[in-house]
C-alpha cells in the first residue's frame, strides 16, 4: 500500500509561483515513479511531470516545461512541484501519482490550484 497526500494549492494571480508538496508513505513507495497530474473542469486528467526518486529521470508536459520543476526528497519521502509563471490555464485540481510496472497505481486526494488573470 502507498498513501499520498498533497498540499500547497491555493488561489494566486497570473505570473505568481506556487509549490505543491506530496507526502508519500508505504512499504513499496520507493519502487514507484512519482508524478503530478492535473484535471481542469470538463477536461481529461493530464500528466504534468514525473520523476524517479533519485531525480535522474524526469518528464514534463510541453505546456509546463521551463515553468514547472519536479523534485523528490528521498529521505523525507516528499515530492515537490514548483510552479512558476503561472497562467490561468494552469487552473486545475492537481493530483500526486505513484506508479510502477506490475504494481497498483496510487492517487492522492488532489489539491486545487486557481490562477486568476
PDB file of N, CA and C in Angstrom:
ATOM      1  N   UNK A   1       0.829  -1.213   0.000  1.00  0.00           N
ATOM      2  CA  UNK A   1       0.000   0.000   0.000  1.00  0.00           C
ATOM      3  C   UNK A   1       0.856   1.252   0.000  1.00  0.00           C
ATOM      4  N   UNK A   2       0.425   2.254  -0.748  1.00  0.00           N
ATOM      5  CA  UNK A   2       1.074   3.555  -0.793  1.00  0.00           C
ATOM      6  C   UNK A   2       0.020   4.607  -0.492  1.00  0.00           C
ATOM      7  N   UNK A   3       0.348   5.529   0.377  1.00  0.00           N
ATOM      8  CA  UNK A   3      -0.554   6.641   0.663  1.00  0.00           C
ATOM      9  C   UNK A   3       0.093   7.936   0.184  1.00  0.00           C
ATOM     10  N   UNK A   4      -0.721   8.773  -0.427  1.00  0.00           N
ATOM     11  CA  UNK A   4      -0.242  10.038  -0.970  1.00  0.00           C
ATOM     12  C   UNK A   4      -1.117  11.173  -0.452  1.00  0.00           C
ATOM     13  N   UNK A   5      -0.481  12.242  -0.046  1.00  0.00           N
ATOM     14  CA  UNK A   5      -1.236  13.387   0.459  1.00  0.00           C
ATOM     15  C   UNK A   5      -0.638  14.673  -0.089  1.00  0.00           C
ATOM     16  N   UNK A   6      -1.428  15.409  -0.857  1.00  0.00           N
ATOM     17  CA  UNK A   6      -0.959  16.658  -1.449  1.00  0.00           C
ATOM     18  C   UNK A   6      -1.281  17.858  -0.566  1.00  0.00           C
ATOM     19  N   UNK A   7      -0.478  18.881  -0.700  1.00  0.00           N
ATOM     20  CA  UNK A   7      -0.728  20.147  -0.027  1.00  0.00           C
ATOM     21  C   UNK A   7      -0.087  21.261  -0.830  1.00  0.00           C
ATOM     22  N   UNK A   8      -0.489  22.500  -0.543  1.00  0.00           N
ATOM     23  CA  UNK A   8       0.153  23.649  -1.165  1.00  0.00           C
ATOM     24  C   UNK A   8      -0.658  24.365  -2.223  1.00  0.00           C
ATOM     25  N   UNK A   9      -1.831  23.854  -2.551  1.00  0.00           N
ATOM     26  CA  UNK A   9      -2.656  24.534  -3.540  1.00  0.00           C
ATOM     27  C   UNK A   9      -3.201  25.844  -2.999  1.00  0.00           C
ATOM     28  N   UNK A  10      -3.815  26.616  -3.892  1.00  0.00           N
ATOM     29  CA  UNK A  10      -4.397  27.868  -3.467  1.00  0.00           C
ATOM     30  C   UNK A  10      -4.790  28.737  -4.634  1.00  0.00           C
ATOM     31  N   UNK A  11      -5.142  29.981  -4.312  1.00  0.00           N
ATOM     32  CA  UNK A  11      -5.538  30.974  -5.307  1.00  0.00           C
ATOM     33  C   UNK A  11      -4.408  31.979  -5.469  1.00  0.00           C
ATOM     34  N   UNK A  12      -3.923  32.117  -6.686  1.00  0.00           N
ATOM     35  CA  UNK A  12      -2.840  33.048  -6.975  1.00  0.00           C
ATOM     36  C   UNK A  12      -3.177  33.825  -8.233  1.00  0.00           C
ATOM     37  N   UNK A  13      -2.373  34.854  -8.496  1.00  0.00           N
ATOM     38  CA  UNK A  13      -2.567  35.642  -9.701  1.00  0.00           C
ATOM     39  C   UNK A  13      -1.622  35.164 -10.798  1.00  0.00           C
ATOM     40  N   UNK A  14      -1.966  35.467 -12.020  1.00  0.00           N
ATOM     41  CA  UNK A  14      -1.112  35.100 -13.155  1.00  0.00           C
ATOM     42  C   UNK A  14       0.295  35.667 -12.941  1.00  0.00           C
ATOM     43  N   UNK A  15       1.291  34.847 -13.210  1.00  0.00           N
ATOM     44  CA  UNK A  15       2.666  35.259 -13.023  1.00  0.00           C
ATOM     45  C   UNK A  15       3.257  34.866 -11.681  1.00  0.00           C
ATOM     46  N   UNK A  16       2.396  34.508 -10.739  1.00  0.00           N
ATOM     47  CA  UNK A  16       2.856  34.104  -9.410  1.00  0.00           C
ATOM     48  C   UNK A  16       3.439  32.700  -9.433  1.00  0.00           C
ATOM     49  N   UNK A  17       4.007  32.315  -8.290  1.00  0.00           N
ATOM     50  CA  UNK A  17       4.555  30.975  -8.122  1.00  0.00           C
ATOM     51  C   UNK A  17       3.830  30.253  -6.991  1.00  0.00           C
ATOM     52  N   UNK A  18       3.902  28.928  -7.042  1.00  0.00           N
ATOM     53  CA  UNK A  18       3.274  28.097  -6.023  1.00  0.00           C
ATOM     54  C   UNK A  18       4.065  26.799  -5.961  1.00  0.00           C
ATOM     55  N   UNK A  19       4.187  26.231  -4.771  1.00  0.00           N
ATOM     56  CA  UNK A  19       4.851  24.937  -4.656  1.00  0.00           C
ATOM     57  C   UNK A  19       3.904  23.925  -4.029  1.00  0.00           C
ATOM     58  N   UNK A  20       3.703  22.837  -4.737  1.00  0.00           N
ATOM     59  CA  UNK A  20       2.902  21.729  -4.230  1.00  0.00           C
ATOM     60  C   UNK A  20       3.820  20.690  -3.607  1.00  0.00           C
ATOM     61  N   UNK A  21       3.317  20.057  -2.564  1.00  0.00           N
ATOM     62  CA  UNK A  21       4.060  19.001  -1.887  1.00  0.00           C
ATOM     63  C   UNK A  21       3.214  17.745  -1.817  1.00  0.00           C
ATOM     64  N   UNK A  22       3.837  16.615  -2.100  1.00  0.00           N
ATOM     65  CA  UNK A  22       3.187  15.316  -1.966  1.00  0.00           C
ATOM     66  C   UNK A  22       3.951  14.516  -0.923  1.00  0.00           C
ATOM     67  N   UNK A  23       3.268  14.159   0.149  1.00  0.00           N
ATOM     68  CA  UNK A  23       3.864  13.304   1.171  1.00  0.00           C
ATOM     69  C   UNK A  23       3.492  11.868   0.855  1.00  0.00           C
ATOM     70  N   UNK A  24       4.502  11.037   0.628  1.00  0.00           N
ATOM     71  CA  UNK A  24       4.275   9.648   0.247  1.00  0.00           C
ATOM     72  C   UNK A  24       4.693   8.722   1.377  1.00  0.00           C
ATOM     73  N   UNK A  25       3.931   7.666   1.575  1.00  0.00           N
ATOM     74  CA  UNK A  25       4.287   6.676   2.595  1.00  0.00           C
ATOM     75  C   UNK A  25       3.859   5.300   2.126  1.00  0.00           C
ATOM     76  N   UNK A  26       4.448   4.282   2.736  1.00  0.00           N
ATOM     77  CA  UNK A  26       4.127   2.915   2.366  1.00  0.00           C
ATOM     78  C   UNK A  26       5.380   2.117   2.073  1.00  0.00           C
ATOM     79  N   UNK A  27       5.278   0.804   2.270  1.00  0.00           N
ATOM     80  CA  UNK A  27       6.450  -0.066   2.140  1.00  0.00           C
ATOM     81  C   UNK A  27       7.075  -0.031   0.761  1.00  0.00           C
ATOM     82  N   UNK A  28       6.226   0.084  -0.276  1.00  0.00           N
ATOM     83  CA  UNK A  28       6.743  -0.052  -1.637  1.00  0.00           C
ATOM     84  C   UNK A  28       6.920   1.282  -2.347  1.00  0.00           C
ATOM     85  N   UNK A  29       6.787   2.391  -1.619  1.00  0.00           N
ATOM     86  CA  UNK A  29       6.787   3.692  -2.290  1.00  0.00           C
ATOM     87  C   UNK A  29       8.082   3.941  -3.053  1.00  0.00           C
ATOM     88  N   UNK A  30       9.194   3.439  -2.555  1.00  0.00           N
ATOM     89  CA  UNK A  30      10.477   3.694  -3.219  1.00  0.00           C
ATOM     90  C   UNK A  30      10.578   3.015  -4.571  1.00  0.00           C
ATOM     91  N   UNK A  31       9.681   2.076  -4.839  1.00  0.00           N
ATOM     92  CA  UNK A  31       9.715   1.351  -6.109  1.00  0.00           C
ATOM     93  C   UNK A  31       8.901   2.052  -7.194  1.00  0.00           C
ATOM     94  N   UNK A  32       8.243   3.143  -6.837  1.00  0.00           N
ATOM     95  CA  UNK A  32       7.338   3.814  -7.755  1.00  0.00           C
ATOM     96  C   UNK A  32       7.963   5.050  -8.392  1.00  0.00           C
ATOM     97  N   UNK A  33       7.542   5.309  -9.600  1.00  0.00           N
ATOM     98  CA  UNK A  33       7.795   6.606 -10.227  1.00  0.00           C
ATOM     99  C   UNK A  33       6.728   7.561  -9.716  1.00  0.00           C
ATOM    100  N   UNK A  34       7.161   8.744  -9.329  1.00  0.00           N
ATOM    101  CA  UNK A  34       6.238   9.722  -8.753  1.00  0.00           C
ATOM    102  C   UNK A  34       5.899  10.792  -9.781  1.00  0.00           C
ATOM    103  N   UNK A  35       4.656  11.201  -9.785  1.00  0.00           N
ATOM    104  CA  UNK A  35       4.256  12.198 -10.767  1.00  0.00           C
ATOM    105  C   UNK A  35       3.172  13.124 -10.265  1.00  0.00           C
ATOM    106  N   UNK A  36       2.969  14.157 -11.036  1.00  0.00           N
ATOM    107  CA  UNK A  36       1.869  15.094 -10.809  1.00  0.00           C
ATOM    108  C   UNK A  36       0.991  15.111 -12.052  1.00  0.00           C
ATOM    109  N   UNK A  37      -0.305  14.982 -11.823  1.00  0.00           N
ATOM    110  CA  UNK A  37      -1.301  15.100 -12.869  1.00  0.00           C
ATOM    111  C   UNK A  37      -2.202  16.276 -12.510  1.00  0.00           C
ATOM    112  N   UNK A  38      -2.956  16.741 -13.498  1.00  0.00           N
ATOM    113  CA  UNK A  38      -3.944  17.775 -13.194  1.00  0.00           C
ATOM    114  C   UNK A  38      -5.190  17.544 -14.039  1.00  0.00           C
ATOM    115  N   UNK A  39      -6.299  18.029 -13.505  1.00  0.00           N
ATOM    116  CA  UNK A  39      -7.565  17.906 -14.216  1.00  0.00           C
ATOM    117  C   UNK A  39      -8.353  19.187 -14.063  1.00  0.00           C
ATOM    118  N   UNK A  40      -8.596  19.836 -15.189  1.00  0.00           N
ATOM    119  CA  UNK A  40      -9.402  21.050 -15.211  1.00  0.00           C
ATOM    120  C   UNK A  40     -10.851  20.663 -15.483  1.00  0.00           C
ATOM    121  N   UNK A  41     -11.797  21.521 -15.099  1.00  0.00           N
ATOM    122  CA  UNK A  41     -13.217  21.203 -15.321  1.00  0.00           C
ATOM    123  C   UNK A  41     -13.509  20.908 -16.787  1.00  0.00           C
ATOM    124  N   UNK A  42     -14.177  19.801 -17.035  1.00  0.00           N
ATOM    125  CA  UNK A  42     -14.545  19.440 -18.382  1.00  0.00           C
ATOM    126  C   UNK A  42     -13.436  18.873 -19.232  1.00  0.00           C
ATOM    127  N   UNK A  43     -12.268  18.675 -18.634  1.00  0.00           N
ATOM    128  CA  UNK A  43     -11.124  18.148 -19.385  1.00  0.00           C
ATOM    129  C   UNK A  43     -10.643  16.838 -18.778  1.00  0.00           C
ATOM    130  N   UNK A  44      -9.892  16.085 -19.574  1.00  0.00           N
ATOM    131  CA  UNK A  44      -9.329  14.843 -19.081  1.00  0.00           C
ATOM    132  C   UNK A  44      -8.127  15.126 -18.172  1.00  0.00           C
ATOM    133  N   UNK A  45      -7.876  14.183 -17.301  1.00  0.00           N
ATOM    134  CA  UNK A  45      -6.702  14.308 -16.425  1.00  0.00           C
ATOM    135  C   UNK A  45      -5.450  14.159 -17.288  1.00  0.00           C
ATOM    136  N   UNK A  46      -4.485  15.049 -17.076  1.00  0.00           N
ATOM    137  CA  UNK A  46      -3.272  15.004 -17.883  1.00  0.00           C
ATOM    138  C   UNK A  46      -2.043  14.944 -16.982  1.00  0.00           C
ATOM    139  N   UNK A  47      -1.037  14.267 -17.491  1.00  0.00           N
ATOM    140  CA  UNK A  47       0.226  14.151 -16.770  1.00  0.00           C
ATOM    141  C   UNK A  47       1.013  15.445 -16.941  1.00  0.00           C
ATOM    142  N   UNK A  48       1.462  16.014 -15.840  1.00  0.00           N
ATOM    143  CA  UNK A  48       2.179  17.278 -15.861  1.00  0.00           C
ATOM    144  C   UNK A  48       3.681  17.056 -15.754  1.00  0.00           C
ATOM    145  N   UNK A  49       4.088  16.233 -14.810  1.00  0.00           N
ATOM    146  CA  UNK A  49       5.513  15.988 -14.589  1.00  0.00           C
ATOM    147  C   UNK A  49       5.684  14.679 -13.841  1.00  0.00           C
ATOM    148  N   UNK A  50       6.862  14.097 -13.957  1.00  0.00           N
ATOM    149  CA  UNK A  50       7.155  12.843 -13.261  1.00  0.00           C
ATOM    150  C   UNK A  50       8.641  12.750 -12.985  1.00  0.00           C
ATOM    151  N   UNK A  51       8.979  11.969 -11.962  1.00  0.00           N
ATOM    152  CA  UNK A  51      10.379  11.785 -11.617  1.00  0.00           C
ATOM    153  C   UNK A  51      10.570  10.459 -10.909  1.00  0.00           C
ATOM    154  N   UNK A  52      11.775   9.909 -11.007  1.00  0.00           N
ATOM    155  CA  UNK A  52      12.111   8.802 -10.124  1.00  0.00           C
ATOM    156  C   UNK A  52      12.646   9.404  -8.823  1.00  0.00           C
ATOM    157  N   UNK A  53      12.813   8.569  -7.811  1.00  0.00           N
ATOM    158  CA  UNK A  53      13.189   9.095  -6.511  1.00  0.00           C
ATOM    159  C   UNK A  53      14.607   9.670  -6.489  1.00  0.00           C
ATOM    160  N   UNK A  54      15.446   9.215  -7.405  1.00  0.00           N
ATOM    161  CA  UNK A  54      16.803   9.761  -7.444  1.00  0.00           C
ATOM    162  C   UNK A  54      16.879  11.060  -8.216  1.00  0.00           C
ATOM    163  N   UNK A  55      15.811  11.390  -8.946  1.00  0.00           N
ATOM    164  CA  UNK A  55      15.814  12.617  -9.728  1.00  0.00           C
ATOM    165  C   UNK A  55      16.596  12.547 -11.019  1.00  0.00           C
ATOM    166  N   UNK A  56      17.052  11.349 -11.358  1.00  0.00           N
ATOM    167  CA  UNK A  56      17.870  11.211 -12.571  1.00  0.00           C
ATOM    168  C   UNK A  56      17.033  11.157 -13.840  1.00  0.00           C
ATOM    169  N   UNK A  57      15.769  10.861 -13.701  1.00  0.00           N
ATOM    170  CA  UNK A  57      14.865  10.801 -14.855  1.00  0.00           C
ATOM    171  C   UNK A  57      13.634  11.637 -14.549  1.00  0.00           C
ATOM    172  N   UNK A  58      13.377  12.620 -15.399  1.00  0.00           N
ATOM    173  CA  UNK A  58      12.195  13.465 -15.217  1.00  0.00           C
ATOM    174  C   UNK A  58      11.447  13.595 -16.529  1.00  0.00           C
ATOM    175  N   UNK A  59      10.182  13.947 -16.406  1.00  0.00           N
ATOM    176  CA  UNK A  59       9.319  14.182 -17.562  1.00  0.00           C
ATOM    177  C   UNK A  59       8.515  15.449 -17.307  1.00  0.00           C
ATOM    178  N   UNK A  60       8.310  16.228 -18.334  1.00  0.00           N
ATOM    179  CA  UNK A  60       7.457  17.416 -18.251  1.00  0.00           C
ATOM    180  C   UNK A  60       6.547  17.461 -19.476  1.00  0.00           C
ATOM    181  N   UNK A  61       5.310  17.816 -19.250  1.00  0.00           N
ATOM    182  CA  UNK A  61       4.419  18.094 -20.365  1.00  0.00           C
ATOM    183  C   UNK A  61       4.918  19.353 -21.072  1.00  0.00           C
ATOM    184  N   UNK A  62       4.787  19.410 -22.387  1.00  0.00           N
ATOM    185  CA  UNK A  62       5.267  20.585 -23.123  1.00  0.00           C
ATOM    186  C   UNK A  62       4.693  21.898 -22.604  1.00  0.00           C
ATOM    187  N   UNK A  63       3.459  21.844 -22.116  1.00  0.00           N
ATOM    188  CA  UNK A  63       2.792  23.074 -21.689  1.00  0.00           C
ATOM    189  C   UNK A  63       3.389  23.662 -20.411  1.00  0.00           C
ATOM    190  N   UNK A  64       4.174  22.863 -19.663  1.00  0.00           N
ATOM    191  CA  UNK A  64       4.713  23.361 -18.400  1.00  0.00           C
ATOM    192  C   UNK A  64       6.238  23.385 -18.378  1.00  0.00           C
ATOM    193  N   UNK A  65       6.838  22.807 -19.398  1.00  0.00           N
ATOM    194  CA  UNK A  65       8.306  22.759 -19.435  1.00  0.00           C
ATOM    195  C   UNK A  65       8.866  24.163 -19.350  1.00  0.00           C
ATOM    196  N   UNK A  66       9.915  24.342 -18.591  1.00  0.00           N
ATOM    197  CA  UNK A  66      10.595  25.629 -18.370  1.00  0.00           C
ATOM    198  C   UNK A  66       9.873  26.489 -17.344  1.00  0.00           C
ATOM    199  N   UNK A  67       8.666  26.097 -16.927  1.00  0.00           N
ATOM    200  CA  UNK A  67       7.970  26.834 -15.875  1.00  0.00           C
ATOM    201  C   UNK A  67       7.837  26.020 -14.590  1.00  0.00           C
ATOM    202  N   UNK A  68       7.655  24.717 -14.724  1.00  0.00           N
ATOM    203  CA  UNK A  68       7.460  23.840 -13.572  1.00  0.00           C
ATOM    204  C   UNK A  68       8.709  22.991 -13.351  1.00  0.00           C
ATOM    205  N   UNK A  69       8.982  22.676 -12.095  1.00  0.00           N
ATOM    206  CA  UNK A  69      10.090  21.792 -11.756  1.00  0.00           C
ATOM    207  C   UNK A  69       9.623  20.765 -10.741  1.00  0.00           C
ATOM    208  N   UNK A  70       9.839  19.492 -11.055  1.00  0.00           N
ATOM    209  CA  UNK A  70       9.515  18.416 -10.123  1.00  0.00           C
ATOM    210  C   UNK A  70      10.797  17.967  -9.438  1.00  0.00           C
ATOM    211  N   UNK A  71      10.691  17.687  -8.142  1.00  0.00           N
ATOM    212  CA  UNK A  71      11.852  17.192  -7.406  1.00  0.00           C
ATOM    213  C   UNK A  71      11.372  16.246  -6.312  1.00  0.00           C
ATOM    214  N   UNK A  72      12.275  15.401  -5.867  1.00  0.00           N
ATOM    215  CA  UNK A  72      11.932  14.407  -4.847  1.00  0.00           C
ATOM    216  C   UNK A  72      12.984  14.414  -3.749  1.00  0.00           C
ATOM    217  N   UNK A  73      12.513  14.369  -2.517  1.00  0.00           N
ATOM    218  CA  UNK A  73      13.387  14.240  -1.359  1.00  0.00           C
ATOM    219  C   UNK A  73      13.236  12.816  -0.846  1.00  0.00           C
ATOM    220  N   UNK A  74      14.186  11.981  -1.223  1.00  0.00           N
ATOM    221  CA  UNK A  74      14.108  10.556  -0.892  1.00  0.00           C
ATOM    222  C   UNK A  74      14.093  10.320   0.616  1.00  0.00           C
ATOM    223  N   UNK A  75      14.873  11.085   1.344  1.00  0.00           N
ATOM    224  CA  UNK A  75      14.989  10.890   2.794  1.00  0.00           C
ATOM    225  C   UNK A  75      13.678  11.200   3.511  1.00  0.00           C
ATOM    226  N   UNK A  76      12.930  12.177   2.995  1.00  0.00           N
ATOM    227  CA  UNK A  76      11.683  12.583   3.640  1.00  0.00           C
ATOM    228  C   UNK A  76      10.445  12.019   2.939  1.00  0.00           C
ATOM    229  N   UNK A  77      10.654  11.304   1.838  1.00  0.00           N
ATOM    230  CA  UNK A  77       9.527  10.765   1.046  1.00  0.00           C
ATOM    231  C   UNK A  77       8.561  11.873   0.622  1.00  0.00           C
ATOM    232  N   UNK A  78       9.132  12.965   0.160  1.00  0.00           N
ATOM    233  CA  UNK A  78       8.339  14.093  -0.313  1.00  0.00           C
ATOM    234  C   UNK A  78       8.639  14.345  -1.790  1.00  0.00           C
ATOM    235  N   UNK A  79       7.608  14.713  -2.522  1.00  0.00           N
ATOM    236  CA  UNK A  79       7.757  15.083  -3.926  1.00  0.00           C
ATOM    237  C   UNK A  79       7.182  16.487  -4.082  1.00  0.00           C
ATOM    238  N   UNK A  80       7.931  17.338  -4.749  1.00  0.00           N
ATOM    239  CA  UNK A  80       7.523  18.723  -4.901  1.00  0.00           C
ATOM    240  C   UNK A  80       7.227  19.043  -6.367  1.00  0.00           C
ATOM    241  N   UNK A  81       6.357  20.005  -6.554  1.00  0.00           N
ATOM    242  CA  UNK A  81       6.150  20.577  -7.877  1.00  0.00           C
ATOM    243  C   UNK A  81       6.211  22.091  -7.718  1.00  0.00           C
ATOM    244  N   UNK A  82       7.318  22.656  -8.142  1.00  0.00           N
ATOM    245  CA  UNK A  82       7.485  24.103  -8.116  1.00  0.00           C
ATOM    246  C   UNK A  82       6.910  24.671  -9.401  1.00  0.00           C
ATOM    247  N   UNK A  83       5.942  25.545  -9.259  1.00  0.00           N
ATOM    248  CA  UNK A  83       5.249  26.100 -10.417  1.00  0.00           C
ATOM    249  C   UNK A  83       5.509  27.601 -10.470  1.00  0.00           C
ATOM    250  N   UNK A  84       6.167  28.036 -11.514  1.00  0.00           N
ATOM    251  CA  UNK A  84       6.475  29.456 -11.704  1.00  0.00           C
ATOM    252  C   UNK A  84       5.716  29.998 -12.910  1.00  0.00           C
ATOM    253  N   UNK A  85       5.621  31.316 -12.969  1.00  0.00           N
ATOM    254  CA  UNK A  85       4.955  31.976 -14.100  1.00  0.00           C
ATOM    255  C   UNK A  85       3.598  31.335 -14.392  1.00  0.00           C
ATOM    256  N   UNK A  86       2.807  31.192 -13.361  1.00  0.00           N
ATOM    257  CA  UNK A  86       1.518  30.518 -13.521  1.00  0.00           C
ATOM    258  C   UNK A  86       0.590  31.294 -14.439  1.00  0.00           C
ATOM    259  N   UNK A  87      -0.200  30.525 -15.170  1.00  0.00           N
ATOM    260  CA  UNK A  87      -1.150  31.083 -16.128  1.00  0.00           C
ATOM    261  C   UNK A  87      -2.559  30.632 -15.751  1.00  0.00           C
ATOM    262  N   UNK A  88      -3.573  31.378 -16.163  1.00  0.00           N
ATOM    263  CA  UNK A  88      -4.951  30.955 -15.868  1.00  0.00           C
ATOM    264  C   UNK A  88      -5.238  29.542 -16.362  1.00  0.00           C
ATOM    265  N   UNK A  89      -4.619  29.140 -17.457  1.00  0.00           N
ATOM    266  CA  UNK A  89      -4.861  27.792 -17.981  1.00  0.00           C
ATOM    267  C   UNK A  89      -4.208  26.697 -17.141  1.00  0.00           C
ATOM    268  N   UNK A  90      -3.440  27.073 -16.133  1.00  0.00           N
ATOM    269  CA  UNK A  90      -2.902  26.099 -15.190  1.00  0.00           C
ATOM    270  C   UNK A  90      -3.915  25.763 -14.094  1.00  0.00           C
ATOM    271  N   UNK A  91      -5.024  26.461 -14.074  1.00  0.00           N
ATOM    272  CA  UNK A  91      -6.060  26.198 -13.075  1.00  0.00           C
ATOM    273  C   UNK A  91      -6.594  24.782 -13.214  1.00  0.00           C
ATOM    274  N   UNK A  92      -6.541  24.036 -12.126  1.00  0.00           N
ATOM    275  CA  UNK A  92      -6.964  22.629 -12.138  1.00  0.00           C
ATOM    276  C   UNK A  92      -6.824  22.057 -10.735  1.00  0.00           C
ATOM    277  N   UNK A  93      -7.351  20.859 -10.564  1.00  0.00           N
ATOM    278  CA  UNK A  93      -7.044  20.073  -9.380  1.00  0.00           C
ATOM    279  C   UNK A  93      -5.781  19.268  -9.709  1.00  0.00           C
ATOM    280  N   UNK A  94      -4.798  19.379  -8.861  1.00  0.00           N
ATOM    281  CA  UNK A  94      -3.528  18.694  -9.067  1.00  0.00           C
ATOM    282  C   UNK A  94      -3.467  17.462  -8.175  1.00  0.00           C
ATOM    283  N   UNK A  95      -3.084  16.345  -8.789  1.00  0.00           N
ATOM    284  CA  UNK A  95      -3.041  15.068  -8.095  1.00  0.00           C
ATOM    285  C   UNK A  95      -1.633  14.511  -8.076  1.00  0.00           C
ATOM    286  N   UNK A  96      -1.223  13.992  -6.949  1.00  0.00           N
ATOM    287  CA  UNK A  96       0.022  13.243  -6.858  1.00  0.00           C
ATOM    288  C   UNK A  96      -0.254  11.802  -7.274  1.00  0.00           C
ATOM    289  N   UNK A  97       0.713  11.210  -7.938  1.00  0.00           N
ATOM    290  CA  UNK A  97       0.526   9.868  -8.516  1.00  0.00           C
ATOM    291  C   UNK A  97       1.766   9.030  -8.267  1.00  0.00           C
ATOM    292  N   UNK A  98       1.565   7.761  -7.987  1.00  0.00           N
ATOM    293  CA  UNK A  98       2.679   6.821  -7.839  1.00  0.00           C
ATOM    294  C   UNK A  98       2.376   5.603  -8.684  1.00  0.00           C
ATOM    295  N   UNK A  99       3.310   5.234  -9.533  1.00  0.00           N
ATOM    296  CA  UNK A  99       3.075   4.074 -10.391  1.00  0.00           C
ATOM    297  C   UNK A  99       4.382   3.342 -10.649  1.00  0.00           C
ATOM    298  N   UNK A 100       4.241   2.035 -10.876  1.00  0.00           N
ATOM    299  CA  UNK A 100       5.390   1.190 -11.178  1.00  0.00           C
ATOM    300  C   UNK A 100       4.887   0.000 -11.976  1.00  0.00           C
ATOM    301  N   UNK A 101       5.704  -0.513 -12.893  1.00  0.00           N
ATOM    302  CA  UNK A 101       5.281  -1.667 -13.700  1.00  0.00           C
ATOM    303  C   UNK A 101       4.865  -2.840 -12.825  1.00  0.00           C
ATOM    304  N   UNK A 102       3.687  -3.360 -13.096  1.00  0.00           N
ATOM    305  CA  UNK A 102       3.225  -4.529 -12.368  1.00  0.00           C
ATOM    306  C   UNK A 102       2.628  -4.236 -11.010  1.00  0.00           C
ATOM    307  N   UNK A 103       2.649  -2.986 -10.621  1.00  0.00           N
ATOM    308  CA  UNK A 103       2.094  -2.624  -9.322  1.00  0.00           C
ATOM    309  C   UNK A 103       0.889  -1.712  -9.501  1.00  0.00           C
ATOM    310  N   UNK A 104       0.115  -1.614  -8.462  1.00  0.00           N
ATOM    311  CA  UNK A 104      -1.081  -0.775  -8.495  1.00  0.00           C
ATOM    312  C   UNK A 104      -0.703   0.696  -8.623  1.00  0.00           C
ATOM    313  N   UNK A 105      -1.559   1.466  -9.264  1.00  0.00           N
ATOM    314  CA  UNK A 105      -1.366   2.906  -9.380  1.00  0.00           C
ATOM    315  C   UNK A 105      -2.075   3.582  -8.214  1.00  0.00           C
ATOM    316  N   UNK A 106      -1.409   4.529  -7.601  1.00  0.00           N
ATOM    317  CA  UNK A 106      -1.972   5.224  -6.455  1.00  0.00           C
ATOM    318  C   UNK A 106      -2.163   6.709  -6.764  1.00  0.00           C
ATOM    319  N   UNK A 107      -3.199   7.281  -6.153  1.00  0.00           N
ATOM    320  CA  UNK A 107      -3.528   8.691  -6.325  1.00  0.00           C
ATOM    321  C   UNK A 107      -3.737   9.353  -4.963  1.00  0.00           C
ATOM    322  N   UNK A 108      -3.377  10.616  -4.889  1.00  0.00           N
ATOM    323  CA  UNK A 108      -3.737  11.416  -3.733  1.00  0.00           C
ATOM    324  C   UNK A 108      -5.142  11.963  -3.914  1.00  0.00           C
ATOM    325  N   UNK A 109      -5.594  12.736  -2.939  1.00  0.00           N
ATOM    326  CA  UNK A 109      -6.962  13.257  -2.979  1.00  0.00           C
ATOM    327  C   UNK A 109      -7.077  14.519  -3.827  1.00  0.00           C
ATOM    328  N   UNK A 110      -5.940  15.125  -4.165  1.00  0.00           N
ATOM    329  CA  UNK A 110      -5.952  16.312  -5.020  1.00  0.00           C
ATOM    330  C   UNK A 110      -5.914  17.610  -4.241  1.00  0.00           C
ATOM    331  N   UNK A 111      -5.346  18.627  -4.872  1.00  0.00           N
ATOM    332  CA  UNK A 111      -5.319  19.960  -4.281  1.00  0.00           C
ATOM    333  C   UNK A 111      -5.637  20.971  -5.377  1.00  0.00           C
ATOM    334  N   UNK A 112      -6.490  21.929  -5.061  1.00  0.00           N
ATOM    335  CA  UNK A 112      -6.967  22.886  -6.063  1.00  0.00           C
ATOM    336  C   UNK A 112      -5.950  24.001  -6.257  1.00  0.00           C
ATOM    337  N   UNK A 113      -5.654  24.285  -7.513  1.00  0.00           N
ATOM    338  CA  UNK A 113      -4.834  25.445  -7.876  1.00  0.00           C
ATOM    339  C   UNK A 113      -5.681  26.320  -8.784  1.00  0.00           C
ATOM    340  N   UNK A 114      -5.848  27.562  -8.394  1.00  0.00           N
ATOM    341  CA  UNK A 114      -6.626  28.507  -9.177  1.00  0.00           C
ATOM    342  C   UNK A 114      -5.766  29.722  -9.478  1.00  0.00           C
ATOM    343  N   UNK A 115      -5.643  30.041 -10.764  1.00  0.00           N
ATOM    344  CA  UNK A 115      -4.826  31.174 -11.195  1.00  0.00           C
ATOM    345  C   UNK A 115      -5.750  32.207 -11.823  1.00  0.00           C
ATOM    346  N   UNK A 116      -5.806  33.365 -11.228  1.00  0.00           N
ATOM    347  CA  UNK A 116      -6.662  34.424 -11.754  1.00  0.00           C
ATOM    348  C   UNK A 116      -5.877  35.321 -12.702  1.00  0.00           C
ATOM    349  N   UNK A 117      -6.578  35.873 -13.675  1.00  0.00           N
ATOM    350  CA  UNK A 117      -5.917  36.725 -14.684  1.00  0.00           C
ATOM    351  C   UNK A 117      -5.893  38.169 -14.247  1.00  0.00           C
TER     352      UNK A 117
END
